Amino acid sequence: MTSVLIAPVRDAALLAKQAASLDALSDGRFTLGLGVGRREDDYLAVSGDYRRRGRRFEEQLAEIKNIWAGDGPREGVSPVGPKPVQDGGPELLIGGFAPAAIERAGRWADGYLGGGGDP
């Protein structure tokens, strides 16, 4: 079972819009799990930068949260919708096995998905 999407191989604005749509369709019951992924071939398949995945994920998290707050994805671009049912956007879980994943969950998310230890 997949519990997280690999965010850095996706467009942040589109991901925010799709998650908000699922949040609206589920009447606020949607939970989104995101992570950076650990397989380099996932990045090679989409011409992504595996070495920069953590920084890209941090940038995406900020952009997604801004979009869910009603801001445009970039200066001069109108907000994308729909507006999430849940204030601040859908429940967000961050997955991973590295200490950086746990730190990101503490800064950006409502919870943590992982294994190999107690966060």
N, C-alpha and C. Protein backbone atom coordinates (compact mmCIF):
# COMPACT_ATOMS: atom_id res chain seq x y z
N MET A 1 0.84 -1.17 0.00
CA MET A 1 0.00 0.00 0.00
C MET A 1 0.89 1.24 0.00
N THR A 2 0.57 2.18 -0.83
CA THR A 2 1.29 3.44 -0.86
C THR A 2 0.72 4.36 0.22
N SER A 3 1.61 4.90 1.04
CA SER A 3 1.14 5.82 2.08
C SER A 3 1.61 7.25 1.83
N VAL A 4 2.61 7.43 0.96
CA VAL A 4 3.07 8.77 0.63
C VAL A 4 3.32 8.89 -0.87
N LEU A 5 3.11 10.09 -1.37
CA LEU A 5 3.50 10.43 -2.73
C LEU A 5 4.90 11.01 -2.68
N ILE A 6 5.68 10.76 -3.69
CA ILE A 6 7.01 11.36 -3.79
C ILE A 6 6.81 12.76 -4.37
N ALA A 7 6.83 13.75 -3.51
CA ALA A 7 6.49 15.11 -3.92
C ALA A 7 7.49 15.74 -4.89
N PRO A 8 8.81 15.63 -4.68
CA PRO A 8 9.74 16.38 -5.53
C PRO A 8 9.73 15.99 -7.01
N VAL A 9 9.07 14.88 -7.37
CA VAL A 9 8.98 14.53 -8.79
C VAL A 9 7.70 15.07 -9.41
N ARG A 10 6.95 15.89 -8.65
CA ARG A 10 5.68 16.44 -9.12
C ARG A 10 5.72 17.97 -9.06
N ASP A 11 4.81 18.58 -9.79
CA ASP A 11 4.65 20.03 -9.76
C ASP A 11 3.86 20.40 -8.50
N ALA A 12 4.39 21.32 -7.72
CA ALA A 12 3.79 21.68 -6.43
C ALA A 12 2.40 22.30 -6.58
N ALA A 13 2.22 23.19 -7.53
CA ALA A 13 0.92 23.85 -7.70
C ALA A 13 -0.15 22.84 -8.10
N LEU A 14 0.18 21.96 -9.01
CA LEU A 14 -0.78 20.95 -9.43
C LEU A 14 -1.09 19.99 -8.28
N LEU A 15 -0.08 19.62 -7.53
CA LEU A 15 -0.28 18.74 -6.38
C LEU A 15 -1.18 19.40 -5.34
N ALA A 16 -0.97 20.68 -5.07
CA ALA A 16 -1.82 21.40 -4.12
C ALA A 16 -3.26 21.45 -4.61
N LYS A 17 -3.45 21.71 -5.89
CA LYS A 17 -4.79 21.77 -6.47
C LYS A 17 -5.47 20.41 -6.40
N GLN A 18 -4.76 19.35 -6.75
CA GLN A 18 -5.34 18.01 -6.73
C GLN A 18 -5.71 17.60 -5.30
N ALA A 19 -4.85 17.90 -4.35
CA ALA A 19 -5.13 17.55 -2.96
C ALA A 19 -6.33 18.34 -2.44
N ALA A 20 -6.42 19.61 -2.80
CA ALA A 20 -7.57 20.41 -2.38
C ALA A 20 -8.86 19.88 -3.01
N SER A 21 -8.77 19.41 -4.24
CA SER A 21 -9.95 18.81 -4.89
C SER A 21 -10.40 17.56 -4.16
N LEU A 22 -9.44 16.70 -3.79
CA LEU A 22 -9.79 15.49 -3.03
C LEU A 22 -10.35 15.84 -1.66
N ASP A 23 -9.80 16.89 -1.06
CA ASP A 23 -10.31 17.35 0.23
C ASP A 23 -11.77 17.79 0.08
N ALA A 24 -12.07 18.51 -0.99
CA ALA A 24 -13.45 18.97 -1.22
C ALA A 24 -14.38 17.79 -1.52
N LEU A 25 -13.92 16.86 -2.36
CA LEU A 25 -14.75 15.70 -2.70
C LEU A 25 -15.04 14.82 -1.49
N SER A 26 -14.10 14.76 -0.56
CA SER A 26 -14.27 13.91 0.63
C SER A 26 -14.90 14.67 1.79
N ASP A 27 -15.29 15.90 1.55
CA ASP A 27 -15.87 16.76 2.58
C ASP A 27 -14.94 16.90 3.79
N GLY A 28 -13.65 17.07 3.49
CA GLY A 28 -12.68 17.34 4.55
C GLY A 28 -12.08 16.11 5.21
N ARG A 29 -12.31 14.93 4.64
CA ARG A 29 -11.77 13.71 5.25
C ARG A 29 -10.47 13.23 4.61
N PHE A 30 -9.94 13.99 3.67
CA PHE A 30 -8.73 13.57 2.96
C PHE A 30 -7.48 13.83 3.79
N THR A 31 -6.57 12.86 3.78
CA THR A 31 -5.25 13.00 4.40
C THR A 31 -4.21 12.77 3.32
N LEU A 32 -3.26 13.68 3.20
CA LEU A 32 -2.21 13.60 2.19
C LEU A 32 -0.90 13.21 2.84
N GLY A 33 -0.29 12.15 2.33
CA GLY A 33 1.04 11.73 2.78
C GLY A 33 2.07 12.07 1.73
N LEU A 34 3.13 12.76 2.11
CA LEU A 34 4.19 13.17 1.19
C LEU A 34 5.55 12.77 1.73
N GLY A 35 6.49 12.53 0.84
CA GLY A 35 7.87 12.25 1.21
C GLY A 35 8.78 12.55 0.04
N VAL A 36 10.09 12.37 0.27
CA VAL A 36 11.06 12.65 -0.79
C VAL A 36 11.41 11.42 -1.61
N GLY A 37 11.19 10.24 -1.07
CA GLY A 37 11.56 9.02 -1.78
C GLY A 37 13.04 8.74 -1.64
N ARG A 38 13.38 7.48 -1.73
CA ARG A 38 14.79 7.12 -1.58
C ARG A 38 15.37 6.41 -2.79
N ARG A 39 14.54 6.23 -3.83
CA ARG A 39 15.01 5.53 -5.03
C ARG A 39 15.43 6.54 -6.09
N GLU A 40 16.70 6.53 -6.42
CA GLU A 40 17.21 7.47 -7.42
C GLU A 40 16.56 7.27 -8.78
N ASP A 41 16.18 6.03 -9.11
CA ASP A 41 15.59 5.80 -10.43
C ASP A 41 14.24 6.49 -10.60
N ASP A 42 13.52 6.77 -9.50
CA ASP A 42 12.28 7.55 -9.61
C ASP A 42 12.57 8.94 -10.15
N TYR A 43 13.69 9.50 -9.77
CA TYR A 43 14.08 10.84 -10.23
C TYR A 43 14.63 10.80 -11.65
N LEU A 44 15.36 9.76 -11.95
CA LEU A 44 15.88 9.62 -13.31
C LEU A 44 14.74 9.49 -14.32
N ALA A 45 13.66 8.84 -13.93
CA ALA A 45 12.52 8.63 -14.83
C ALA A 45 11.84 9.94 -15.22
N VAL A 46 11.96 10.96 -14.39
CA VAL A 46 11.29 12.24 -14.67
C VAL A 46 12.28 13.38 -14.83
N SER A 47 13.54 13.06 -15.00
CA SER A 47 14.60 14.06 -15.14
C SER A 47 14.68 14.97 -13.91
N GLY A 48 14.44 14.41 -12.74
CA GLY A 48 14.53 15.17 -11.50
C GLY A 48 15.92 15.12 -10.92
N ASP A 49 16.19 15.99 -9.97
CA ASP A 49 17.50 16.08 -9.33
C ASP A 49 17.45 15.38 -7.98
N TYR A 50 17.92 14.16 -7.94
CA TYR A 50 17.89 13.33 -6.74
C TYR A 50 18.66 13.99 -5.59
N ARG A 51 19.79 14.62 -5.90
CA ARG A 51 20.63 15.20 -4.85
C ARG A 51 19.99 16.43 -4.21
N ARG A 52 19.06 17.04 -4.89
CA ARG A 52 18.42 18.27 -4.40
C ARG A 52 17.00 18.01 -3.87
N ARG A 53 16.61 16.77 -3.72
CA ARG A 53 15.23 16.43 -3.40
C ARG A 53 14.75 17.00 -2.07
N GLY A 54 15.60 17.06 -1.07
CA GLY A 54 15.20 17.60 0.23
C GLY A 54 14.90 19.09 0.16
N ARG A 55 15.77 19.84 -0.49
CA ARG A 55 15.55 21.29 -0.65
C ARG A 55 14.31 21.55 -1.49
N ARG A 56 14.16 20.78 -2.56
CA ARG A 56 12.96 20.95 -3.41
C ARG A 56 11.70 20.67 -2.62
N PHE A 57 11.71 19.64 -1.80
CA PHE A 57 10.55 19.30 -0.99
C PHE A 57 10.19 20.43 -0.04
N GLU A 58 11.20 21.03 0.59
CA GLU A 58 10.95 22.17 1.49
C GLU A 58 10.29 23.32 0.73
N GLU A 59 10.79 23.61 -0.47
CA GLU A 59 10.21 24.67 -1.30
C GLU A 59 8.76 24.33 -1.66
N GLN A 60 8.53 23.07 -2.01
CA GLN A 60 7.18 22.65 -2.37
C GLN A 60 6.22 22.76 -1.19
N LEU A 61 6.66 22.37 -0.02
CA LEU A 61 5.79 22.44 1.16
C LEU A 61 5.34 23.88 1.41
N ALA A 62 6.27 24.82 1.27
CA ALA A 62 5.92 26.24 1.45
C ALA A 62 4.92 26.67 0.37
N GLU A 63 5.16 26.28 -0.86
CA GLU A 63 4.26 26.66 -1.95
C GLU A 63 2.88 26.04 -1.77
N ILE A 64 2.82 24.78 -1.41
CA ILE A 64 1.55 24.09 -1.20
C ILE A 64 0.75 24.76 -0.09
N LYS A 65 1.41 25.05 1.02
CA LYS A 65 0.72 25.70 2.14
C LYS A 65 0.21 27.08 1.73
N ASN A 66 0.99 27.83 0.95
CA ASN A 66 0.55 29.15 0.47
C ASN A 66 -0.66 29.03 -0.45
N ILE A 67 -0.64 28.05 -1.31
CA ILE A 67 -1.77 27.84 -2.22
C ILE A 67 -3.02 27.48 -1.42
N TRP A 68 -2.89 26.61 -0.45
CA TRP A 68 -4.05 26.23 0.37
C TRP A 68 -4.56 27.42 1.18
N ALA A 69 -3.70 28.38 1.45
CA ALA A 69 -4.12 29.59 2.18
C ALA A 69 -4.80 30.60 1.27
N GLY A 70 -4.83 30.33 -0.04
CA GLY A 70 -5.51 31.21 -0.98
C GLY A 70 -4.60 32.09 -1.81
N ASP A 71 -3.28 31.93 -1.67
CA ASP A 71 -2.33 32.71 -2.46
C ASP A 71 -2.09 32.04 -3.81
N GLY A 72 -1.60 32.81 -4.77
CA GLY A 72 -1.19 32.25 -6.05
C GLY A 72 0.12 31.50 -5.89
N PRO A 73 0.42 30.58 -6.80
CA PRO A 73 1.66 29.82 -6.68
C PRO A 73 2.93 30.66 -6.86
N ARG A 74 2.81 31.74 -7.60
CA ARG A 74 3.93 32.65 -7.82
C ARG A 74 3.38 34.06 -7.94
N GLU A 75 4.25 35.03 -7.79
CA GLU A 75 3.84 36.43 -7.93
C GLU A 75 3.26 36.64 -9.33
N GLY A 76 2.12 37.30 -9.39
CA GLY A 76 1.49 37.60 -10.66
C GLY A 76 0.60 36.49 -11.18
N VAL A 77 0.47 35.39 -10.44
CA VAL A 77 -0.37 34.27 -10.85
C VAL A 77 -1.54 34.18 -9.88
N SER A 78 -2.73 34.10 -10.43
CA SER A 78 -3.94 34.02 -9.61
C SER A 78 -3.95 32.74 -8.78
N PRO A 79 -4.68 32.77 -7.66
CA PRO A 79 -4.80 31.55 -6.86
C PRO A 79 -5.42 30.41 -7.67
N VAL A 80 -5.02 29.20 -7.34
CA VAL A 80 -5.61 28.02 -7.96
C VAL A 80 -6.54 27.39 -6.95
N GLY A 81 -7.59 26.77 -7.42
CA GLY A 81 -8.57 26.20 -6.51
C GLY A 81 -8.82 24.75 -6.83
N PRO A 82 -9.70 24.18 -6.11
CA PRO A 82 -10.65 24.78 -5.18
C PRO A 82 -10.03 25.08 -3.83
N LYS A 83 -10.77 25.82 -3.02
CA LYS A 83 -10.33 26.07 -1.65
C LYS A 83 -10.54 24.79 -0.86
N PRO A 84 -9.54 24.38 -0.08
CA PRO A 84 -9.72 23.17 0.74
C PRO A 84 -10.85 23.35 1.75
N VAL A 85 -11.51 22.26 2.08
CA VAL A 85 -12.56 22.28 3.10
C VAL A 85 -11.94 22.53 4.47
N GLN A 86 -10.83 21.87 4.74
CA GLN A 86 -10.16 22.01 6.03
C GLN A 86 -9.33 23.30 6.03
N ASP A 87 -9.43 24.07 7.10
CA ASP A 87 -8.61 25.27 7.23
C ASP A 87 -7.14 24.89 7.14
N GLY A 88 -6.40 25.59 6.31
CA GLY A 88 -4.98 25.31 6.15
C GLY A 88 -4.69 24.17 5.20
N GLY A 89 -5.73 23.56 4.65
CA GLY A 89 -5.56 22.47 3.71
C GLY A 89 -5.79 21.12 4.34
N PRO A 90 -5.73 20.08 3.52
CA PRO A 90 -5.94 18.73 4.03
C PRO A 90 -4.92 18.36 5.11
N GLU A 91 -5.29 17.40 5.93
CA GLU A 91 -4.33 16.88 6.90
C GLU A 91 -3.10 16.41 6.12
N LEU A 92 -1.92 16.77 6.60
CA LEU A 92 -0.68 16.47 5.91
C LEU A 92 0.21 15.61 6.81
N LEU A 93 0.63 14.47 6.27
CA LEU A 93 1.58 13.60 6.95
C LEU A 93 2.85 13.55 6.11
N ILE A 94 3.99 13.56 6.77
CA ILE A 94 5.27 13.44 6.06
C ILE A 94 5.89 12.11 6.45
N GLY A 95 6.30 11.39 5.43
CA GLY A 95 6.89 10.08 5.65
C GLY A 95 8.37 10.08 5.38
N GLY A 96 9.04 9.09 5.96
CA GLY A 96 10.46 8.93 5.72
C GLY A 96 11.13 8.17 6.84
N PHE A 97 12.39 7.90 6.64
CA PHE A 97 13.17 7.15 7.61
C PHE A 97 14.35 7.94 8.16
N ALA A 98 14.63 9.08 7.55
CA ALA A 98 15.79 9.88 7.93
C ALA A 98 15.40 10.93 8.97
N PRO A 99 16.35 11.38 9.78
CA PRO A 99 16.05 12.45 10.73
C PRO A 99 15.46 13.70 10.07
N ALA A 100 15.87 13.99 8.84
CA ALA A 100 15.32 15.17 8.13
C ALA A 100 13.82 15.04 7.93
N ALA A 101 13.33 13.84 7.70
CA ALA A 101 11.88 13.64 7.52
C ALA A 101 11.13 13.96 8.80
N ILE A 102 11.69 13.55 9.91
CA ILE A 102 11.05 13.82 11.20
C ILE A 102 11.05 15.32 11.48
N GLU A 103 12.15 15.99 11.17
CA GLU A 103 12.23 17.44 11.36
C GLU A 103 11.21 18.16 10.47
N ARG A 104 11.08 17.71 9.21
CA ARG A 104 10.09 18.32 8.31
C ARG A 104 8.67 18.11 8.84
N ALA A 105 8.41 16.93 9.33
CA ALA A 105 7.07 16.66 9.88
C ALA A 105 6.77 17.62 11.03
N GLY A 106 7.75 17.89 11.86
CA GLY A 106 7.56 18.82 12.97
C GLY A 106 7.31 20.25 12.52
N ARG A 107 7.94 20.65 11.41
CA ARG A 107 7.79 22.02 10.91
C ARG A 107 6.56 22.21 10.05
N TRP A 108 6.22 21.23 9.23
CA TRP A 108 5.24 21.43 8.17
C TRP A 108 3.95 20.62 8.29
N ALA A 109 3.98 19.52 9.02
CA ALA A 109 2.90 18.54 8.90
C ALA A 109 2.08 18.39 10.18
N ASP A 110 1.00 17.63 10.02
CA ASP A 110 0.14 17.27 11.14
C ASP A 110 0.57 15.96 11.78
N GLY A 111 1.46 15.24 11.11
CA GLY A 111 1.91 13.96 11.65
C GLY A 111 3.04 13.37 10.82
N TYR A 112 3.49 12.21 11.25
CA TYR A 112 4.66 11.54 10.67
C TYR A 112 4.31 10.10 10.34
N LEU A 113 4.78 9.64 9.19
CA LEU A 113 4.68 8.23 8.79
C LEU A 113 6.09 7.71 8.61
N GLY A 114 6.43 6.66 9.26
CA GLY A 114 7.77 6.12 9.08
C GLY A 114 7.95 4.84 9.84
N GLY A 115 9.16 4.40 9.83
CA GLY A 115 9.48 3.17 10.53
C GLY A 115 10.91 3.21 11.00
N GLY A 116 11.28 2.19 11.70
CA GLY A 116 12.66 2.09 12.14
C GLY A 116 12.98 2.90 13.37
N GLY A 117 11.98 3.30 14.12
CA GLY A 117 12.27 4.04 15.33
C GLY A 117 11.15 4.97 15.73
N ASP A 118 11.22 5.45 16.93
CA ASP A 118 10.22 6.35 17.47
C ASP A 118 10.67 7.79 17.20
N PRO A 119 9.84 8.57 16.48
CA PRO A 119 10.25 9.93 16.18
C PRO A 119 10.25 10.80 17.42
